[in-house]
Amino acid sequence: MRGQMRGSLSGTLATMGAGVPYAIGAKFAHPDRPVVALVGDGAMQMNGLAELITIARYQDLWADRRCVICVFHNNDLNQVTWELRALGGAPKFEESQTLPDVNYAAFAASLGLVALNVDKLEDLGSAWDQALGADRPSVIDVRCDAEIPPIPPHATADQIKSVTEAILKGDPKGAKMAYEGIKTKLAELLPN
C-alpha cells in the first residue's frame, strides 16, 4: 500500500537543492498525481537544471505527467543572505551571494517542457493555471525581489535588531529592504 505523503520540506537541515529531486521521487512514488516543487534559483543552479533533464527523460512513465517546478528567480542565495542579516547582523556579501542570471524557462523549453516566465504579479495566477492544466511537466520562472524580507510572523526582537545592524553596516540595498520590511509588516497588521 502506498503512503499518503502530501509534502516534504528540507526545513532547517541545510539540505541544499533538494526540491527538484524530491519532486522526481514524488512522481515515481505517485505517478498518477500532480507534483509541485517550489525552489530558489540557487537550488536550480546547484542541481535543478540537471534534474529537469531527468524529468524530461522519465515523464512518459507517469500516468499524470504534471510536475510543476516553480523557481523563485531573484539572482540571490536568498536564504543564506537573510540568515546572515537576521542571525548575524551582517550585510549581504554580494561576491558570494549574487547569482548569475539564468533563464530557467528557456532551458525547460529546450527540453520540451512547458516554459512560463512571470515578470509581473498579475501574471502569476494564469501561469499556475497553465502549468496545472498542461499535459506535461512545467517550469514557472518567477522573477521576484531579493530585498523583500521574508519576515515570519514570529520574528524575534533579536532578529529585527540584527537586520537593522546589517542595514547600518552598509547592506547594499538596505534602504529598500527596510522600506519593504516595514510595508510587509504593516500589511499584516493593517490588512486593508
Protein backbone atom coordinates (compact mmCIF):
# COMPACT_ATOMS: atom_id res chain seq x y z
CA MET A 1 0.00 0.00 0.00
CA ARG A 2 1.33 3.42 -0.94
CA GLY A 3 1.77 6.10 1.72
CA GLN A 4 -0.24 9.28 1.77
CA MET A 5 2.65 11.72 1.53
CA ARG A 6 1.39 15.21 0.72
CA GLY A 7 4.54 17.29 1.10
CA SER A 8 8.15 17.41 2.13
CA LEU A 9 10.45 20.24 3.17
CA SER A 10 14.18 20.44 3.59
CA GLY A 11 13.45 22.57 6.64
CA THR A 12 16.36 23.88 8.63
CA LEU A 13 18.57 20.88 8.00
CA ALA A 14 20.69 22.81 5.47
CA THR A 15 19.59 20.46 2.72
CA MET A 16 20.61 22.27 -0.43
CA GLY A 17 18.98 21.84 -3.81
CA ALA A 18 16.59 19.09 -2.73
CA GLY A 19 13.32 20.43 -4.19
CA VAL A 20 13.54 19.10 -7.75
CA PRO A 21 14.96 15.70 -6.72
CA TYR A 22 12.18 15.44 -4.10
CA ALA A 23 9.65 16.18 -6.87
CA ILE A 24 11.07 13.42 -9.04
CA GLY A 25 10.88 10.99 -6.12
CA ALA A 26 7.28 12.02 -5.51
CA LYS A 27 6.39 11.43 -9.18
CA PHE A 28 7.82 7.91 -9.03
CA ALA A 29 6.02 7.22 -5.75
CA HIS A 30 2.73 8.62 -7.08
CA PRO A 31 2.85 8.74 -10.91
CA ASP A 32 -0.91 9.36 -11.02
CA ARG A 33 -0.76 12.66 -9.07
CA PRO A 34 0.45 16.15 -9.97
CA VAL A 35 3.60 17.25 -8.14
CA VAL A 36 4.70 20.80 -7.32
CA ALA A 37 8.19 21.90 -6.24
CA LEU A 38 8.93 25.43 -5.02
CA VAL A 39 12.64 26.11 -5.39
CA GLY A 40 15.03 29.02 -5.32
CA ASP A 41 17.29 29.88 -8.20
CA GLY A 42 20.34 28.85 -6.16
CA ALA A 43 18.92 25.33 -5.91
CA MET A 44 18.16 25.35 -9.62
CA GLN A 45 21.74 26.28 -10.43
CA MET A 46 23.08 23.73 -7.97
CA ASN A 47 21.36 20.69 -9.44
CA GLY A 48 17.82 21.58 -10.51
CA LEU A 49 18.75 22.29 -14.12
CA ALA A 50 20.31 18.85 -14.50
CA GLU A 51 17.28 17.27 -12.84
CA LEU A 52 14.99 18.90 -15.42
CA ILE A 53 16.73 16.59 -17.88
CA THR A 54 15.74 13.66 -15.66
CA ILE A 55 12.13 14.88 -15.61
CA ALA A 56 12.08 15.20 -19.40
CA ARG A 57 13.53 11.71 -19.75
CA TYR A 58 11.09 9.89 -17.48
CA GLN A 59 7.86 11.86 -17.91
CA ASP A 60 6.35 9.22 -20.22
CA LEU A 61 6.38 6.73 -17.32
CA TRP A 62 3.93 8.85 -15.31
CA ALA A 63 0.17 8.45 -15.75
CA ASP A 64 -0.24 12.13 -14.81
CA ARG A 65 2.74 13.90 -16.38
CA ARG A 66 2.19 17.16 -14.49
CA CYS A 67 5.28 18.05 -12.50
CA VAL A 68 5.46 21.79 -11.85
CA ILE A 69 8.76 23.36 -10.86
CA CYS A 70 8.27 26.94 -9.67
CA VAL A 71 11.56 28.84 -9.49
CA PHE A 72 11.87 31.89 -7.25
CA HIS A 73 14.23 33.84 -9.50
CA ASN A 74 15.94 36.68 -7.66
CA ASN A 75 19.62 36.10 -8.51
CA ASP A 76 20.48 35.72 -4.84
CA LEU A 77 21.27 32.88 -2.45
CA ASN A 78 18.41 34.38 -0.51
CA GLN A 79 18.04 32.01 2.44
CA VAL A 80 21.70 32.45 3.35
CA THR A 81 21.59 36.20 2.72
CA TRP A 82 18.68 36.58 5.14
CA GLU A 83 20.21 34.23 7.70
CA LEU A 84 23.34 36.40 7.70
CA ARG A 85 21.23 39.51 8.15
CA ALA A 86 18.76 38.20 10.74
CA LEU A 87 21.04 35.97 12.79
CA GLY A 88 24.38 37.71 12.49
CA GLY A 89 23.66 41.34 11.71
CA ALA A 90 25.88 41.03 8.64
CA PRO A 91 25.11 42.89 5.41
CA LYS A 92 24.75 40.94 2.19
CA PHE A 93 28.14 39.88 0.86
CA GLU A 94 27.42 40.26 -2.84
CA GLU A 95 30.53 38.44 -4.02
CA SER A 96 29.27 35.16 -2.56
CA GLN A 97 25.51 35.71 -2.61
CA THR A 98 24.71 37.11 -6.05
CA LEU A 99 23.91 34.50 -8.69
CA PRO A 100 24.35 34.69 -12.46
CA ASP A 101 21.10 35.37 -14.32
CA VAL A 102 19.77 32.20 -15.98
CA ASN A 103 16.57 31.84 -18.00
CA TYR A 104 15.14 28.70 -16.37
CA ALA A 105 12.05 28.70 -18.57
CA ALA A 106 14.16 28.81 -21.74
CA PHE A 107 16.17 25.82 -20.51
CA ALA A 108 12.90 23.96 -19.80
CA ALA A 109 11.61 24.81 -23.27
CA SER A 110 14.79 23.40 -24.80
CA LEU A 111 13.85 20.07 -23.17
CA GLY A 112 10.26 20.15 -24.48
CA LEU A 113 8.73 21.10 -21.15
CA VAL A 114 6.10 23.80 -20.69
CA ALA A 115 8.00 27.03 -20.05
CA LEU A 116 6.39 30.02 -18.35
CA ASN A 117 8.02 33.34 -17.46
CA VAL A 118 6.39 35.55 -14.84
CA ASP A 119 7.66 39.11 -14.56
CA LYS A 120 4.55 40.73 -13.08
CA LEU A 121 2.46 39.68 -10.10
CA GLU A 122 -0.76 39.84 -12.12
CA ASP A 123 0.57 37.10 -14.46
CA LEU A 124 1.24 34.59 -11.68
CA GLY A 125 -2.28 33.13 -11.46
CA SER A 126 -2.56 32.41 -15.17
CA ALA A 127 0.91 30.82 -15.17
CA TRP A 128 -0.20 28.41 -12.44
CA ASP A 129 -3.40 27.69 -14.39
CA GLN A 130 -1.36 26.86 -17.49
CA ALA A 131 1.12 24.69 -15.61
CA LEU A 132 -1.53 22.74 -13.71
CA GLY A 133 -3.59 22.36 -16.90
CA ALA A 134 -0.67 21.14 -19.01
CA ASP A 135 -0.20 17.65 -20.38
CA ARG A 136 3.49 17.50 -19.41
CA PRO A 137 5.96 18.89 -16.87
CA SER A 138 6.29 22.67 -16.49
CA VAL A 139 8.70 25.26 -15.20
CA ILE A 140 7.37 28.58 -13.91
CA ASP A 141 10.23 31.08 -13.82
CA VAL A 142 9.03 33.76 -11.36
CA ARG A 143 11.16 36.87 -11.13
CA CYS A 144 10.95 38.27 -7.63
CA ASP A 145 12.70 40.84 -5.48
CA ALA A 146 15.55 39.57 -3.30
CA GLU A 147 15.26 42.56 -0.98
CA ILE A 148 11.75 41.88 0.28
CA PRO A 149 12.33 40.45 3.75
CA PRO A 150 10.84 37.01 4.41
CA ILE A 151 9.58 38.20 7.79
CA PRO A 152 7.92 35.40 9.71
CA PRO A 153 5.01 36.27 11.99
CA HIS A 154 7.22 35.23 14.91
CA ALA A 155 10.24 37.43 14.14
CA THR A 156 12.08 37.99 17.40
CA ALA A 157 13.39 41.29 18.67
CA ASP A 158 16.93 39.93 18.27
CA GLN A 159 16.29 39.10 14.60
CA ILE A 160 14.88 42.55 13.92
CA LYS A 161 17.86 44.09 15.74
CA SER A 162 20.29 42.02 13.66
CA VAL A 163 18.66 43.03 10.37
CA THR A 164 18.83 46.67 11.49
CA GLU A 165 22.54 46.20 12.27
CA ALA A 166 23.08 44.73 8.78
CA ILE A 167 21.44 47.80 7.25
CA LEU A 168 23.53 50.16 9.36
CA LYS A 169 26.72 48.26 8.43
CA GLY A 170 26.09 49.08 4.79
CA ASP A 171 23.87 46.39 3.29
CA PRO A 172 23.91 47.17 -0.47
CA LYS A 173 20.14 47.75 -0.70
CA GLY A 174 19.45 48.50 2.95
CA ALA A 175 17.04 51.39 2.42
CA LYS A 176 14.86 49.41 0.03
CA MET A 177 14.99 46.39 2.31
CA ALA A 178 13.88 48.47 5.33
CA TYR A 179 11.04 50.04 3.32
CA GLU A 180 9.79 46.66 2.05
CA GLY A 181 10.05 45.09 5.51
CA ILE A 182 8.05 47.84 7.16
CA LYS A 183 5.49 47.77 4.35
CA THR A 184 5.11 43.97 4.70
CA LYS A 185 4.70 44.11 8.47
CA LEU A 186 2.15 46.94 8.23
CA ALA A 187 0.17 44.94 5.64
CA GLU A 188 -0.02 42.06 8.14
CA LEU A 189 -1.17 44.34 10.94
CA LEU A 190 -3.47 46.52 8.83
CA PRO A 191 -4.86 44.22 6.11
CA ASN A 192 -6.96 46.96 4.49
